[in-house]
């Protein structure tokens, strides 16, 4: 019997915590829309560090992307910027 279902991962929920099950202090979502990678809903008690962004970009690179768009709220205004993964 052949299946008519195709499955794809289009969203990854990410949290920053010391270990699984521990309280977390930051979260974001990586979404793939029309073949493009987007980082949305970045919420953190403390601003993400350079190391945080390196880890996020490492995941994005492992998903096969060389760039992504990040949406952030700056002073009540939604700001979108394109970042390239090294």
C-alpha atoms as a PDB file:
ATOM      1  CA  UNK A   1       0.000   0.000   0.000  1.00  0.00           C
ATOM      2  CA  UNK A   2       1.473   3.351  -0.973  1.00  0.00           C
ATOM      3  CA  UNK A   3       1.144   6.372   1.255  1.00  0.00           C
ATOM      4  CA  UNK A   4      -0.115   9.729   0.054  1.00  0.00           C
ATOM      5  CA  UNK A   5       1.288  11.513   3.073  1.00  0.00           C
ATOM      6  CA  UNK A   6       4.530  13.483   2.856  1.00  0.00           C
ATOM      7  CA  UNK A   7       6.083  14.824   6.046  1.00  0.00           C
ATOM      8  CA  UNK A   8       8.348  17.818   6.496  1.00  0.00           C
ATOM      9  CA  UNK A   9       9.686  19.713   9.476  1.00  0.00           C
ATOM     10  CA  UNK A  10       8.845  23.382   9.084  1.00  0.00           C
ATOM     11  CA  UNK A  11       9.173  24.708  12.629  1.00  0.00           C
ATOM     12  CA  UNK A  12      11.602  24.206  15.512  1.00  0.00           C
ATOM     13  CA  UNK A  13      10.858  25.510  19.014  1.00  0.00           C
ATOM     14  CA  UNK A  14      14.076  26.443  20.843  1.00  0.00           C
ATOM     15  CA  UNK A  15      14.654  27.209  24.515  1.00  0.00           C
ATOM     16  CA  UNK A  16      17.768  28.282  26.446  1.00  0.00           C
ATOM     17  CA  UNK A  17      18.168  26.195  29.618  1.00  0.00           C
ATOM     18  CA  UNK A  18      20.940  24.465  31.537  1.00  0.00           C
ATOM     19  CA  UNK A  19      19.414  21.067  30.746  1.00  0.00           C
ATOM     20  CA  UNK A  20      16.186  19.506  29.519  1.00  0.00           C
ATOM     21  CA  UNK A  21      13.350  19.930  32.001  1.00  0.00           C
ATOM     22  CA  UNK A  22      15.029  22.813  33.809  1.00  0.00           C
ATOM     23  CA  UNK A  23      13.544  26.328  33.787  1.00  0.00           C
ATOM     24  CA  UNK A  24      14.431  28.299  30.674  1.00  0.00           C
ATOM     25  CA  UNK A  25      15.186  31.995  30.302  1.00  0.00           C
ATOM     26  CA  UNK A  26      14.869  32.461  26.526  1.00  0.00           C
ATOM     27  CA  UNK A  27      12.900  31.001  23.648  1.00  0.00           C
ATOM     28  CA  UNK A  28      12.549  31.414  19.901  1.00  0.00           C
ATOM     29  CA  UNK A  29      11.098  29.651  16.897  1.00  0.00           C
ATOM     30  CA  UNK A  30      12.934  28.726  13.709  1.00  0.00           C
ATOM     31  CA  UNK A  31      10.455  28.520  10.823  1.00  0.00           C
ATOM     32  CA  UNK A  32      10.935  27.470   7.232  1.00  0.00           C
ATOM     33  CA  UNK A  33       8.510  29.244   4.898  1.00  0.00           C
ATOM     34  CA  UNK A  34       8.677  28.873   1.109  1.00  0.00           C
ATOM     35  CA  UNK A  35      12.237  27.556   1.373  1.00  0.00           C
ATOM     36  CA  UNK A  36      13.451  30.468   3.497  1.00  0.00           C
ATOM     37  CA  UNK A  37      14.568  30.338   7.124  1.00  0.00           C
ATOM     38  CA  UNK A  38      13.094  32.753   9.696  1.00  0.00           C
ATOM     39  CA  UNK A  39      13.796  33.273  13.399  1.00  0.00           C
ATOM     40  CA  UNK A  40      10.681  34.605  15.118  1.00  0.00           C
ATOM     41  CA  UNK A  41       9.246  35.091  18.609  1.00  0.00           C
ATOM     42  CA  UNK A  42      12.613  35.698  20.251  1.00  0.00           C
ATOM     43  CA  UNK A  43      11.817  36.275  23.913  1.00  0.00           C
ATOM     44  CA  UNK A  44      14.530  36.449  26.577  1.00  0.00           C
ATOM     45  CA  UNK A  45      14.938  37.671  30.144  1.00  0.00           C
ATOM     46  CA  UNK A  46      18.491  38.745  29.209  1.00  0.00           C
ATOM     47  CA  UNK A  47      19.548  39.740  25.698  1.00  0.00           C
ATOM     48  CA  UNK A  48      21.060  36.848  23.714  1.00  0.00           C
ATOM     49  CA  UNK A  49      24.856  36.796  23.657  1.00  0.00           C
ATOM     50  CA  UNK A  50      27.182  36.354  20.712  1.00  0.00           C
ATOM     51  CA  UNK A  51      27.585  32.709  21.790  1.00  0.00           C
ATOM     52  CA  UNK A  52      23.786  32.309  21.746  1.00  0.00           C
ATOM     53  CA  UNK A  53      23.654  33.564  18.163  1.00  0.00           C
ATOM     54  CA  UNK A  54      26.531  31.242  17.176  1.00  0.00           C
ATOM     55  CA  UNK A  55      24.604  28.279  18.546  1.00  0.00           C
ATOM     56  CA  UNK A  56      21.367  29.342  16.818  1.00  0.00           C
ATOM     57  CA  UNK A  57      23.229  29.879  13.541  1.00  0.00           C
ATOM     58  CA  UNK A  58      24.903  26.480  13.913  1.00  0.00           C
ATOM     59  CA  UNK A  59      21.461  24.873  14.031  1.00  0.00           C
ATOM     60  CA  UNK A  60      20.307  26.909  11.029  1.00  0.00           C
ATOM     61  CA  UNK A  61      23.423  25.874   9.095  1.00  0.00           C
ATOM     62  CA  UNK A  62      22.837  22.205  10.017  1.00  0.00           C
ATOM     63  CA  UNK A  63      19.377  22.590   8.471  1.00  0.00           C
ATOM     64  CA  UNK A  64      21.049  23.551   5.163  1.00  0.00           C
ATOM     65  CA  UNK A  65      20.580  27.332   5.201  1.00  0.00           C
ATOM     66  CA  UNK A  66      23.256  29.986   4.645  1.00  0.00           C
ATOM     67  CA  UNK A  67      21.080  32.911   5.715  1.00  0.00           C
ATOM     68  CA  UNK A  68      17.996  33.692   7.767  1.00  0.00           C
ATOM     69  CA  UNK A  69      15.649  36.547   8.543  1.00  0.00           C
ATOM     70  CA  UNK A  70      15.248  37.491  12.185  1.00  0.00           C
ATOM     71  CA  UNK A  71      12.263  39.446  13.464  1.00  0.00           C
ATOM     72  CA  UNK A  72      12.707  41.354  16.715  1.00  0.00           C
ATOM     73  CA  UNK A  73      10.788  43.946  18.645  1.00  0.00           C
ATOM     74  CA  UNK A  74      12.853  47.085  19.227  1.00  0.00           C
ATOM     75  CA  UNK A  75      11.144  49.809  21.239  1.00  0.00           C
ATOM     76  CA  UNK A  76       7.697  48.662  20.158  1.00  0.00           C
ATOM     77  CA  UNK A  77       8.606  48.376  16.466  1.00  0.00           C
ATOM     78  CA  UNK A  78       8.994  45.087  14.600  1.00  0.00           C
ATOM     79  CA  UNK A  79      12.392  45.028  12.879  1.00  0.00           C
ATOM     80  CA  UNK A  80      13.342  42.391  10.273  1.00  0.00           C
ATOM     81  CA  UNK A  81      16.963  41.854   9.263  1.00  0.00           C
ATOM     82  CA  UNK A  82      18.723  39.275   7.100  1.00  0.00           C
ATOM     83  CA  UNK A  83      21.759  37.582   8.627  1.00  0.00           C
ATOM     84  CA  UNK A  84      24.260  35.332   6.910  1.00  0.00           C
ATOM     85  CA  UNK A  85      25.537  32.157   8.566  1.00  0.00           C
ATOM     86  CA  UNK A  86      29.329  31.736   8.615  1.00  0.00           C
END
